[in-house]
């Protein structure tokens, strides 16, 4: 493990390179927000593979990977393919064509909703829920609520990057949660 000098955090050695590619974008999507842009990681095969390998080591017997719109889709699709698992999409309102469950939640900069097809999961499914970044925890919390509404079993929640100062983990207290890197 290496020490991230400007964030005073330990970074697993296999993720040092991926972490080095994250770009901070000030005032996006709103003034006062410091956005963590992980798209450079997705553009680099070595970095992307290290992230997927880390997340895949926490699948915990899941038979489905549920990805949260939109960058969570990318991670979820790669994990589902790597693990030979089913893929389920949790989308913003109005983007799924069949009957859905819907959960509203609060963000760092407003509110939103997530939906899942009512027939996407069932009581025999074990779900690995993944998103790119954990900030306030609202989006991940909504995802866990959708998994519950579908009567599926949640095996783990996972993110590549946790922004710990925003205390999203507190909102998910009692739920299994893996963060590849926490800053």
N, C-alpha and C. Protein backbone atom coordinates (compact mmCIF):
# COMPACT_ATOMS: atom_id res chain seq x y z
N UNK A 1 0.84 -1.19 0.00
CA UNK A 1 0.00 0.00 0.00
C UNK A 1 0.87 1.25 0.00
N UNK A 2 0.41 2.25 -0.73
CA UNK A 2 1.11 3.53 -0.75
C UNK A 2 0.25 4.57 -0.05
N UNK A 3 0.89 5.58 0.46
CA UNK A 3 0.17 6.65 1.13
C UNK A 3 -0.08 7.78 0.14
N UNK A 4 -1.33 8.17 0.04
CA UNK A 4 -1.72 9.31 -0.80
C UNK A 4 -1.42 10.56 0.02
N UNK A 5 -0.36 11.29 -0.32
CA UNK A 5 0.10 12.40 0.52
C UNK A 5 -0.89 13.54 0.62
N UNK A 6 -1.62 13.86 -0.48
CA UNK A 6 -2.54 14.98 -0.39
C UNK A 6 -3.87 14.60 0.22
N UNK A 7 -4.17 13.30 0.36
CA UNK A 7 -5.45 12.92 0.97
C UNK A 7 -5.24 12.12 2.26
N UNK A 8 -3.96 11.81 2.60
CA UNK A 8 -3.64 11.09 3.83
C UNK A 8 -4.39 9.76 3.93
N UNK A 9 -4.48 9.04 2.82
CA UNK A 9 -5.16 7.76 2.80
C UNK A 9 -4.22 6.69 2.27
N UNK A 10 -4.44 5.47 2.68
CA UNK A 10 -3.72 4.34 2.12
C UNK A 10 -4.44 3.86 0.87
N UNK A 11 -3.69 3.59 -0.16
CA UNK A 11 -4.26 3.13 -1.42
C UNK A 11 -3.66 1.76 -1.72
N UNK A 12 -4.49 0.73 -1.93
CA UNK A 12 -3.94 -0.58 -2.27
C UNK A 12 -3.00 -0.48 -3.47
N UNK A 13 -1.88 -1.16 -3.40
CA UNK A 13 -0.85 -1.03 -4.44
C UNK A 13 -1.39 -1.35 -5.83
N UNK A 14 -2.29 -2.32 -5.93
CA UNK A 14 -2.82 -2.68 -7.24
C UNK A 14 -3.74 -1.61 -7.83
N UNK A 15 -4.10 -0.61 -7.02
CA UNK A 15 -4.99 0.46 -7.49
C UNK A 15 -4.31 1.82 -7.53
N UNK A 16 -3.03 1.88 -7.22
CA UNK A 16 -2.31 3.16 -7.22
C UNK A 16 -2.38 3.84 -8.59
N UNK A 17 -2.13 3.07 -9.63
CA UNK A 17 -2.15 3.65 -10.98
C UNK A 17 -3.54 4.17 -11.33
N UNK A 18 -4.57 3.38 -11.06
CA UNK A 18 -5.94 3.81 -11.35
C UNK A 18 -6.27 5.09 -10.58
N UNK A 19 -5.90 5.12 -9.31
CA UNK A 19 -6.18 6.30 -8.49
C UNK A 19 -5.50 7.55 -9.07
N UNK A 20 -4.30 7.37 -9.59
CA UNK A 20 -3.54 8.51 -10.13
C UNK A 20 -4.22 9.14 -11.35
N UNK A 21 -5.13 8.42 -11.99
CA UNK A 21 -5.80 8.94 -13.18
C UNK A 21 -7.05 9.74 -12.89
N UNK A 22 -7.58 9.68 -11.68
CA UNK A 22 -8.80 10.41 -11.33
C UNK A 22 -8.56 11.92 -11.47
N UNK A 23 -9.48 12.59 -12.10
CA UNK A 23 -9.40 14.05 -12.28
C UNK A 23 -10.44 14.74 -11.42
N UNK A 24 -10.03 15.76 -10.70
CA UNK A 24 -10.96 16.60 -9.95
C UNK A 24 -11.48 17.70 -10.86
N UNK A 25 -12.81 17.87 -10.87
CA UNK A 25 -13.44 18.91 -11.69
C UNK A 25 -14.25 19.81 -10.76
N UNK A 26 -13.81 21.03 -10.59
CA UNK A 26 -14.48 21.97 -9.70
C UNK A 26 -15.79 22.46 -10.30
N UNK A 27 -16.76 22.66 -9.41
CA UNK A 27 -18.06 23.26 -9.76
C UNK A 27 -18.83 22.46 -10.80
N UNK A 28 -18.74 21.13 -10.73
CA UNK A 28 -19.52 20.29 -11.63
C UNK A 28 -20.24 19.23 -10.80
N UNK A 29 -21.52 19.03 -10.98
CA UNK A 29 -22.41 19.66 -11.96
C UNK A 29 -22.99 20.99 -11.49
N UNK A 30 -22.67 21.37 -10.25
CA UNK A 30 -23.16 22.65 -9.70
C UNK A 30 -22.03 23.35 -8.96
N UNK A 31 -22.14 24.67 -8.77
CA UNK A 31 -21.12 25.40 -8.02
C UNK A 31 -20.94 24.80 -6.62
N UNK A 32 -19.68 24.70 -6.21
CA UNK A 32 -19.36 24.18 -4.88
C UNK A 32 -19.12 22.68 -4.83
N UNK A 33 -19.40 21.98 -5.92
CA UNK A 33 -19.19 20.53 -5.97
C UNK A 33 -17.81 20.26 -6.59
N UNK A 34 -17.04 19.37 -5.96
CA UNK A 34 -15.78 18.91 -6.53
C UNK A 34 -16.03 17.51 -7.06
N UNK A 35 -16.20 17.38 -8.35
CA UNK A 35 -16.56 16.14 -9.02
C UNK A 35 -15.31 15.29 -9.23
N UNK A 36 -15.40 14.01 -8.91
CA UNK A 36 -14.30 13.06 -9.12
C UNK A 36 -14.58 12.34 -10.44
N UNK A 37 -13.83 12.68 -11.46
CA UNK A 37 -14.03 12.13 -12.80
C UNK A 37 -13.18 10.88 -12.97
N UNK A 38 -13.86 9.72 -13.09
CA UNK A 38 -13.14 8.46 -13.24
C UNK A 38 -13.02 8.03 -14.71
N UNK A 39 -13.51 8.84 -15.65
CA UNK A 39 -13.47 8.42 -17.05
C UNK A 39 -12.05 8.15 -17.56
N UNK A 40 -11.00 8.82 -17.07
CA UNK A 40 -9.66 8.44 -17.53
C UNK A 40 -9.30 6.99 -17.17
N UNK A 41 -9.85 6.47 -16.08
CA UNK A 41 -9.60 5.07 -15.72
C UNK A 41 -10.23 4.15 -16.75
N UNK A 42 -11.42 4.49 -17.19
CA UNK A 42 -12.12 3.66 -18.17
C UNK A 42 -11.40 3.64 -19.51
N UNK A 43 -10.66 4.69 -19.80
CA UNK A 43 -9.94 4.80 -21.07
C UNK A 43 -8.62 4.05 -21.07
N UNK A 44 -8.19 3.61 -19.91
CA UNK A 44 -6.89 2.94 -19.77
C UNK A 44 -7.12 1.48 -19.38
N UNK A 45 -6.75 0.55 -20.26
CA UNK A 45 -7.04 -0.87 -20.03
C UNK A 45 -6.41 -1.42 -18.76
N UNK A 46 -5.20 -1.00 -18.42
CA UNK A 46 -4.53 -1.49 -17.21
C UNK A 46 -5.28 -1.01 -15.96
N UNK A 47 -5.61 0.26 -15.92
CA UNK A 47 -6.32 0.83 -14.78
C UNK A 47 -7.70 0.22 -14.63
N UNK A 48 -8.42 0.15 -15.75
CA UNK A 48 -9.78 -0.39 -15.72
C UNK A 48 -9.76 -1.85 -15.24
N UNK A 49 -8.83 -2.64 -15.74
CA UNK A 49 -8.75 -4.04 -15.33
C UNK A 49 -8.45 -4.16 -13.84
N UNK A 50 -7.60 -3.30 -13.30
CA UNK A 50 -7.29 -3.38 -11.86
C UNK A 50 -8.53 -3.07 -11.01
N UNK A 51 -9.35 -2.13 -11.47
CA UNK A 51 -10.58 -1.80 -10.74
C UNK A 51 -11.55 -2.97 -10.79
N UNK A 52 -11.74 -3.54 -11.98
CA UNK A 52 -12.67 -4.67 -12.12
C UNK A 52 -12.19 -5.86 -11.30
N UNK A 53 -10.90 -6.14 -11.32
CA UNK A 53 -10.36 -7.25 -10.52
C UNK A 53 -10.63 -7.05 -9.03
N UNK A 54 -10.43 -5.82 -8.56
CA UNK A 54 -10.67 -5.54 -7.14
C UNK A 54 -12.15 -5.74 -6.80
N UNK A 55 -13.03 -5.16 -7.59
CA UNK A 55 -14.46 -5.28 -7.32
C UNK A 55 -14.92 -6.74 -7.42
N UNK A 56 -14.41 -7.48 -8.41
CA UNK A 56 -14.81 -8.87 -8.60
C UNK A 56 -14.44 -9.75 -7.41
N UNK A 57 -13.41 -9.36 -6.68
CA UNK A 57 -13.01 -10.15 -5.51
C UNK A 57 -14.01 -10.04 -4.36
N UNK A 58 -15.06 -9.23 -4.53
CA UNK A 58 -16.07 -9.03 -3.49
C UNK A 58 -17.47 -9.42 -3.94
N UNK A 59 -17.57 -10.23 -4.98
CA UNK A 59 -18.88 -10.64 -5.51
C UNK A 59 -19.69 -11.48 -4.53
N UNK A 60 -19.03 -12.17 -3.62
CA UNK A 60 -19.70 -12.89 -2.52
C UNK A 60 -20.82 -13.81 -2.96
N UNK A 61 -20.64 -14.57 -4.02
CA UNK A 61 -21.64 -15.55 -4.43
C UNK A 61 -22.86 -15.00 -5.14
N UNK A 62 -22.79 -13.78 -5.61
CA UNK A 62 -23.92 -13.19 -6.32
C UNK A 62 -24.18 -13.92 -7.64
N UNK A 63 -25.44 -13.92 -8.06
CA UNK A 63 -25.76 -14.44 -9.39
C UNK A 63 -26.20 -13.31 -10.32
N UNK A 64 -26.34 -12.10 -9.78
CA UNK A 64 -26.69 -10.93 -10.58
C UNK A 64 -25.84 -9.74 -10.11
N UNK A 65 -25.45 -8.91 -11.06
CA UNK A 65 -24.78 -7.65 -10.76
C UNK A 65 -25.75 -6.55 -11.17
N UNK A 66 -26.07 -5.67 -10.23
CA UNK A 66 -26.95 -4.54 -10.52
C UNK A 66 -26.11 -3.27 -10.57
N UNK A 67 -26.18 -2.55 -11.69
CA UNK A 67 -25.42 -1.33 -11.87
C UNK A 67 -26.31 -0.11 -11.82
N UNK A 68 -25.81 0.93 -11.18
CA UNK A 68 -26.56 2.17 -11.02
C UNK A 68 -26.15 3.15 -12.11
N UNK A 69 -27.15 3.76 -12.74
CA UNK A 69 -26.92 4.71 -13.84
C UNK A 69 -26.03 5.85 -13.39
N UNK A 70 -25.10 6.25 -14.15
CA UNK A 70 -24.75 5.69 -15.45
C UNK A 70 -23.39 5.01 -15.42
N UNK A 71 -22.43 5.55 -14.70
CA UNK A 71 -21.10 4.92 -14.71
C UNK A 71 -21.08 3.59 -13.97
N UNK A 72 -22.04 3.37 -13.09
CA UNK A 72 -22.18 2.06 -12.47
C UNK A 72 -22.51 0.98 -13.49
N UNK A 73 -23.17 1.37 -14.60
CA UNK A 73 -23.45 0.41 -15.68
C UNK A 73 -22.17 -0.17 -16.24
N UNK A 74 -21.18 0.68 -16.41
CA UNK A 74 -19.92 0.25 -17.03
C UNK A 74 -19.23 -0.78 -16.14
N UNK A 75 -19.13 -0.47 -14.86
CA UNK A 75 -18.50 -1.40 -13.93
C UNK A 75 -19.31 -2.68 -13.82
N UNK A 76 -20.63 -2.56 -13.74
CA UNK A 76 -21.50 -3.73 -13.59
C UNK A 76 -21.41 -4.65 -14.80
N UNK A 77 -21.39 -4.08 -15.99
CA UNK A 77 -21.32 -4.90 -17.20
C UNK A 77 -20.01 -5.69 -17.24
N UNK A 78 -18.91 -5.04 -16.91
CA UNK A 78 -17.62 -5.72 -16.90
C UNK A 78 -17.58 -6.82 -15.83
N UNK A 79 -18.15 -6.54 -14.66
CA UNK A 79 -18.18 -7.54 -13.59
C UNK A 79 -19.07 -8.72 -13.95
N UNK A 80 -20.23 -8.45 -14.56
CA UNK A 80 -21.14 -9.52 -14.97
C UNK A 80 -20.46 -10.42 -15.99
N UNK A 81 -19.78 -9.81 -16.95
CA UNK A 81 -19.08 -10.60 -17.98
C UNK A 81 -17.95 -11.41 -17.35
N UNK A 82 -17.19 -10.80 -16.48
CA UNK A 82 -16.05 -11.49 -15.84
C UNK A 82 -16.53 -12.66 -14.99
N UNK A 83 -17.64 -12.47 -14.28
CA UNK A 83 -18.14 -13.50 -13.38
C UNK A 83 -19.19 -14.41 -13.95
N UNK A 84 -19.51 -14.24 -15.24
CA UNK A 84 -20.56 -15.03 -15.89
C UNK A 84 -21.87 -14.91 -15.13
N UNK A 85 -22.26 -13.66 -14.85
CA UNK A 85 -23.44 -13.35 -14.06
C UNK A 85 -24.44 -12.53 -14.87
N UNK A 86 -25.68 -12.50 -14.41
CA UNK A 86 -26.69 -11.67 -15.04
C UNK A 86 -26.46 -10.20 -14.69
N UNK A 87 -26.93 -9.32 -15.57
CA UNK A 87 -26.78 -7.88 -15.39
C UNK A 87 -28.15 -7.23 -15.28
N UNK A 88 -28.31 -6.38 -14.26
CA UNK A 88 -29.55 -5.65 -14.03
C UNK A 88 -29.23 -4.16 -13.97
N UNK A 89 -30.05 -3.35 -14.62
CA UNK A 89 -29.82 -1.91 -14.66
C UNK A 89 -30.80 -1.16 -13.76
N UNK A 90 -30.26 -0.27 -12.94
CA UNK A 90 -31.06 0.65 -12.13
C UNK A 90 -30.95 2.00 -12.79
N UNK A 91 -32.11 2.51 -13.29
CA UNK A 91 -32.11 3.67 -14.17
C UNK A 91 -32.83 4.86 -13.57
N UNK A 92 -32.56 6.01 -14.16
CA UNK A 92 -33.30 7.22 -13.82
C UNK A 92 -34.73 7.08 -14.34
N UNK A 93 -35.67 7.85 -13.81
CA UNK A 93 -37.08 7.70 -14.18
C UNK A 93 -37.34 7.86 -15.68
N UNK A 94 -38.29 7.06 -16.16
CA UNK A 94 -38.76 7.18 -17.52
C UNK A 94 -37.90 6.50 -18.57
N UNK A 95 -36.90 5.75 -18.17
CA UNK A 95 -36.00 5.14 -19.15
C UNK A 95 -36.18 3.64 -19.29
N UNK A 96 -36.99 3.04 -18.44
CA UNK A 96 -37.26 1.61 -18.54
C UNK A 96 -38.66 1.42 -19.12
N UNK A 97 -38.82 0.54 -20.11
CA UNK A 97 -40.07 0.47 -20.86
C UNK A 97 -41.20 -0.33 -20.21
N UNK A 98 -40.90 -1.14 -19.19
CA UNK A 98 -41.95 -1.94 -18.58
C UNK A 98 -42.23 -1.45 -17.16
N UNK A 99 -43.12 -2.14 -16.47
CA UNK A 99 -43.52 -1.76 -15.12
C UNK A 99 -42.32 -1.77 -14.19
N UNK A 100 -42.20 -0.73 -13.35
CA UNK A 100 -41.02 -0.58 -12.50
C UNK A 100 -41.38 -0.34 -11.03
N UNK A 101 -40.39 -0.60 -10.18
CA UNK A 101 -40.38 -0.08 -8.81
C UNK A 101 -39.59 1.22 -8.89
N UNK A 102 -39.93 2.16 -8.01
CA UNK A 102 -39.25 3.47 -8.01
C UNK A 102 -38.95 3.88 -6.57
N UNK A 103 -37.76 4.44 -6.37
CA UNK A 103 -37.35 4.97 -5.07
C UNK A 103 -36.78 6.36 -5.29
N UNK A 104 -37.25 7.33 -4.48
CA UNK A 104 -36.74 8.70 -4.52
C UNK A 104 -35.65 8.84 -3.45
N UNK A 105 -34.67 9.71 -3.70
CA UNK A 105 -33.57 9.89 -2.76
C UNK A 105 -32.96 11.28 -2.90
N UNK A 106 -32.16 11.66 -1.90
CA UNK A 106 -31.48 12.94 -1.87
C UNK A 106 -30.03 12.79 -2.30
N UNK A 107 -29.55 13.76 -3.06
CA UNK A 107 -28.17 13.84 -3.50
C UNK A 107 -27.47 14.97 -2.77
N UNK A 108 -26.18 15.07 -2.96
CA UNK A 108 -25.39 16.18 -2.41
C UNK A 108 -25.91 17.51 -2.96
N UNK A 109 -26.45 17.48 -4.18
CA UNK A 109 -26.86 18.72 -4.86
C UNK A 109 -28.30 18.68 -5.35
N UNK A 110 -29.19 17.95 -4.66
CA UNK A 110 -30.60 17.92 -5.05
C UNK A 110 -31.24 16.59 -4.74
N UNK A 111 -32.21 16.21 -5.54
CA UNK A 111 -32.90 14.93 -5.35
C UNK A 111 -33.06 14.25 -6.70
N UNK A 112 -33.34 12.94 -6.64
CA UNK A 112 -33.51 12.17 -7.87
C UNK A 112 -34.29 10.91 -7.53
N UNK A 113 -34.42 10.03 -8.50
CA UNK A 113 -35.11 8.76 -8.34
C UNK A 113 -34.38 7.69 -9.14
N UNK A 114 -34.56 6.45 -8.72
CA UNK A 114 -34.06 5.30 -9.46
C UNK A 114 -35.22 4.33 -9.66
N UNK A 115 -35.15 3.58 -10.76
CA UNK A 115 -36.16 2.59 -11.05
C UNK A 115 -35.51 1.28 -11.47
N UNK A 116 -36.26 0.20 -11.31
CA UNK A 116 -35.86 -1.13 -11.75
C UNK A 116 -37.10 -1.82 -12.31
N UNK A 117 -36.94 -2.60 -13.35
CA UNK A 117 -38.06 -3.40 -13.84
C UNK A 117 -38.53 -4.32 -12.72
N UNK A 118 -39.85 -4.43 -12.55
CA UNK A 118 -40.38 -5.28 -11.48
C UNK A 118 -40.01 -6.74 -11.64
N UNK A 119 -39.74 -7.17 -12.88
CA UNK A 119 -39.40 -8.57 -13.10
C UNK A 119 -37.89 -8.81 -13.26
N UNK A 120 -37.07 -7.82 -12.95
CA UNK A 120 -35.62 -7.95 -13.15
C UNK A 120 -34.96 -8.84 -12.10
N UNK A 121 -35.51 -8.86 -10.91
CA UNK A 121 -34.97 -9.65 -9.81
C UNK A 121 -36.10 -10.37 -9.09
N UNK A 122 -35.74 -11.42 -8.37
CA UNK A 122 -36.71 -12.14 -7.57
C UNK A 122 -36.07 -12.72 -6.34
N UNK A 123 -36.86 -13.47 -5.59
CA UNK A 123 -36.42 -13.99 -4.30
C UNK A 123 -35.27 -15.00 -4.40
N UNK A 124 -35.02 -15.57 -5.57
CA UNK A 124 -33.91 -16.52 -5.72
C UNK A 124 -32.61 -15.85 -6.15
N UNK A 125 -32.64 -14.53 -6.34
CA UNK A 125 -31.46 -13.80 -6.79
C UNK A 125 -30.63 -13.26 -5.63
N UNK A 126 -29.31 -13.36 -5.80
CA UNK A 126 -28.34 -12.75 -4.90
C UNK A 126 -27.64 -11.66 -5.69
N UNK A 127 -27.68 -10.43 -5.17
CA UNK A 127 -27.31 -9.25 -5.95
C UNK A 127 -26.08 -8.55 -5.41
N UNK A 128 -25.16 -8.27 -6.33
CA UNK A 128 -24.00 -7.42 -6.06
C UNK A 128 -24.33 -6.07 -6.67
N UNK A 129 -24.51 -5.05 -5.84
CA UNK A 129 -24.91 -3.71 -6.28
C UNK A 129 -23.68 -2.83 -6.41
N UNK A 130 -23.49 -2.21 -7.59
CA UNK A 130 -22.25 -1.47 -7.82
C UNK A 130 -22.53 -0.09 -8.43
N UNK A 131 -21.73 0.87 -7.99
CA UNK A 131 -21.71 2.21 -8.56
C UNK A 131 -20.26 2.68 -8.58
N UNK A 132 -20.00 3.77 -9.24
CA UNK A 132 -18.62 4.24 -9.36
C UNK A 132 -18.14 4.95 -8.10
N UNK A 133 -18.95 5.87 -7.57
CA UNK A 133 -18.53 6.72 -6.46
C UNK A 133 -19.61 6.75 -5.38
N UNK A 134 -19.19 6.67 -4.12
CA UNK A 134 -20.08 6.87 -2.98
C UNK A 134 -19.80 8.24 -2.41
N UNK A 135 -20.79 9.12 -2.46
CA UNK A 135 -20.66 10.47 -1.89
C UNK A 135 -21.54 10.53 -0.64
N UNK A 136 -22.76 11.01 -0.76
CA UNK A 136 -23.65 11.11 0.39
C UNK A 136 -24.38 9.81 0.71
N UNK A 137 -24.31 8.85 -0.22
CA UNK A 137 -24.94 7.55 0.01
C UNK A 137 -26.37 7.45 -0.50
N UNK A 138 -26.93 8.54 -0.98
CA UNK A 138 -28.33 8.53 -1.42
C UNK A 138 -28.60 7.58 -2.57
N UNK A 139 -27.75 7.60 -3.57
CA UNK A 139 -27.97 6.75 -4.73
C UNK A 139 -27.82 5.28 -4.37
N UNK A 140 -26.79 4.94 -3.63
CA UNK A 140 -26.60 3.54 -3.22
C UNK A 140 -27.74 3.09 -2.31
N UNK A 141 -28.18 3.95 -1.40
CA UNK A 141 -29.31 3.62 -0.54
C UNK A 141 -30.54 3.30 -1.39
N UNK A 142 -30.82 4.14 -2.40
CA UNK A 142 -31.97 3.90 -3.27
C UNK A 142 -31.83 2.56 -3.98
N UNK A 143 -30.62 2.23 -4.41
CA UNK A 143 -30.38 0.94 -5.05
C UNK A 143 -30.69 -0.22 -4.13
N UNK A 144 -30.29 -0.11 -2.86
CA UNK A 144 -30.57 -1.19 -1.91
C UNK A 144 -32.07 -1.32 -1.67
N UNK A 145 -32.76 -0.21 -1.65
CA UNK A 145 -34.21 -0.24 -1.48
C UNK A 145 -34.90 -0.92 -2.66
N UNK A 146 -34.40 -0.68 -3.88
CA UNK A 146 -34.96 -1.35 -5.06
C UNK A 146 -34.72 -2.86 -5.00
N UNK A 147 -33.55 -3.28 -4.55
CA UNK A 147 -33.27 -4.71 -4.40
C UNK A 147 -34.25 -5.32 -3.40
N UNK A 148 -34.51 -4.61 -2.30
CA UNK A 148 -35.48 -5.09 -1.30
C UNK A 148 -36.88 -5.18 -1.89
N UNK A 149 -37.30 -4.15 -2.63
CA UNK A 149 -38.64 -4.17 -3.24
C UNK A 149 -38.81 -5.36 -4.18
N UNK A 150 -37.72 -5.75 -4.84
CA UNK A 150 -37.75 -6.89 -5.76
C UNK A 150 -37.62 -8.22 -5.02
N UNK A 151 -37.50 -8.15 -3.69
CA UNK A 151 -37.40 -9.33 -2.83
C UNK A 151 -36.16 -10.19 -3.08
N UNK A 152 -35.11 -9.56 -3.58
CA UNK A 152 -33.85 -10.26 -3.82
C UNK A 152 -32.94 -10.10 -2.60
N UNK A 153 -31.90 -10.91 -2.54
CA UNK A 153 -30.92 -10.88 -1.46
C UNK A 153 -29.73 -10.02 -1.88
N UNK A 154 -29.36 -9.07 -1.07
CA UNK A 154 -28.21 -8.21 -1.34
C UNK A 154 -26.96 -8.86 -0.74
N UNK A 155 -26.00 -9.25 -1.60
CA UNK A 155 -24.78 -9.87 -1.10
C UNK A 155 -23.73 -8.83 -0.73
N UNK A 156 -23.68 -7.73 -1.50
CA UNK A 156 -22.69 -6.69 -1.23
C UNK A 156 -23.04 -5.44 -2.03
N UNK A 157 -22.66 -4.30 -1.48
CA UNK A 157 -22.66 -3.03 -2.20
C UNK A 157 -21.19 -2.70 -2.43
N UNK A 158 -20.90 -2.13 -3.59
CA UNK A 158 -19.50 -1.81 -3.86
C UNK A 158 -19.39 -0.56 -4.72
N UNK A 159 -18.33 0.18 -4.46
CA UNK A 159 -17.99 1.36 -5.26
C UNK A 159 -16.49 1.35 -5.49
N UNK A 160 -16.06 1.99 -6.55
CA UNK A 160 -14.63 2.15 -6.76
C UNK A 160 -14.08 3.19 -5.79
N UNK A 161 -14.76 4.32 -5.68
CA UNK A 161 -14.23 5.45 -4.90
C UNK A 161 -15.26 5.93 -3.89
N UNK A 162 -14.84 6.01 -2.63
CA UNK A 162 -15.67 6.56 -1.57
C UNK A 162 -15.10 7.91 -1.15
N UNK A 163 -15.93 8.93 -1.14
CA UNK A 163 -15.53 10.26 -0.66
C UNK A 163 -15.99 10.34 0.79
N UNK A 164 -15.13 9.94 1.69
CA UNK A 164 -15.51 9.70 3.08
C UNK A 164 -15.98 10.95 3.81
N UNK A 165 -15.49 12.12 3.45
CA UNK A 165 -15.89 13.35 4.13
C UNK A 165 -17.40 13.62 4.00
N UNK A 166 -18.03 13.05 2.97
CA UNK A 166 -19.47 13.25 2.76
C UNK A 166 -20.32 12.24 3.53
N UNK A 167 -19.69 11.29 4.21
CA UNK A 167 -20.31 10.37 5.16
C UNK A 167 -21.41 9.49 4.57
N UNK A 168 -21.28 9.11 3.32
CA UNK A 168 -22.26 8.23 2.70
C UNK A 168 -22.37 6.87 3.36
N UNK A 169 -21.26 6.41 3.91
CA UNK A 169 -21.25 5.10 4.60
C UNK A 169 -22.22 5.10 5.78
N UNK A 170 -22.34 6.24 6.44
CA UNK A 170 -23.27 6.35 7.58
C UNK A 170 -24.71 6.07 7.16
N UNK A 171 -25.07 6.54 5.98
CA UNK A 171 -26.43 6.32 5.47
C UNK A 171 -26.69 4.85 5.18
N UNK A 172 -25.62 4.10 4.95
CA UNK A 172 -25.73 2.68 4.60
C UNK A 172 -25.39 1.77 5.77
N UNK A 173 -25.37 2.33 6.97
CA UNK A 173 -24.99 1.58 8.16
C UNK A 173 -25.74 0.25 8.24
N UNK A 174 -24.99 -0.81 8.50
CA UNK A 174 -25.59 -2.14 8.60
C UNK A 174 -25.62 -2.90 7.30
N UNK A 175 -25.30 -2.23 6.19
CA UNK A 175 -25.28 -2.91 4.89
C UNK A 175 -23.84 -3.27 4.53
N UNK A 176 -23.64 -4.39 3.85
CA UNK A 176 -22.28 -4.72 3.41
C UNK A 176 -21.82 -3.72 2.36
N UNK A 177 -20.62 -3.18 2.52
CA UNK A 177 -20.13 -2.17 1.60
C UNK A 177 -18.63 -2.31 1.41
N UNK A 178 -18.22 -2.41 0.16
CA UNK A 178 -16.80 -2.41 -0.19
C UNK A 178 -16.50 -1.16 -1.01
N UNK A 179 -15.47 -0.43 -0.62
CA UNK A 179 -14.96 0.68 -1.42
C UNK A 179 -13.52 0.33 -1.78
N UNK A 180 -13.23 0.28 -3.07
CA UNK A 180 -11.87 -0.03 -3.50
C UNK A 180 -10.88 0.98 -2.93
N UNK A 181 -11.27 2.27 -2.98
CA UNK A 181 -10.46 3.35 -2.43
C UNK A 181 -11.38 4.31 -1.69
N UNK A 182 -10.95 4.75 -0.51
CA UNK A 182 -11.71 5.73 0.26
C UNK A 182 -10.79 6.94 0.49
N UNK A 183 -11.27 8.10 0.07
CA UNK A 183 -10.50 9.33 0.26
C UNK A 183 -11.28 10.32 1.09
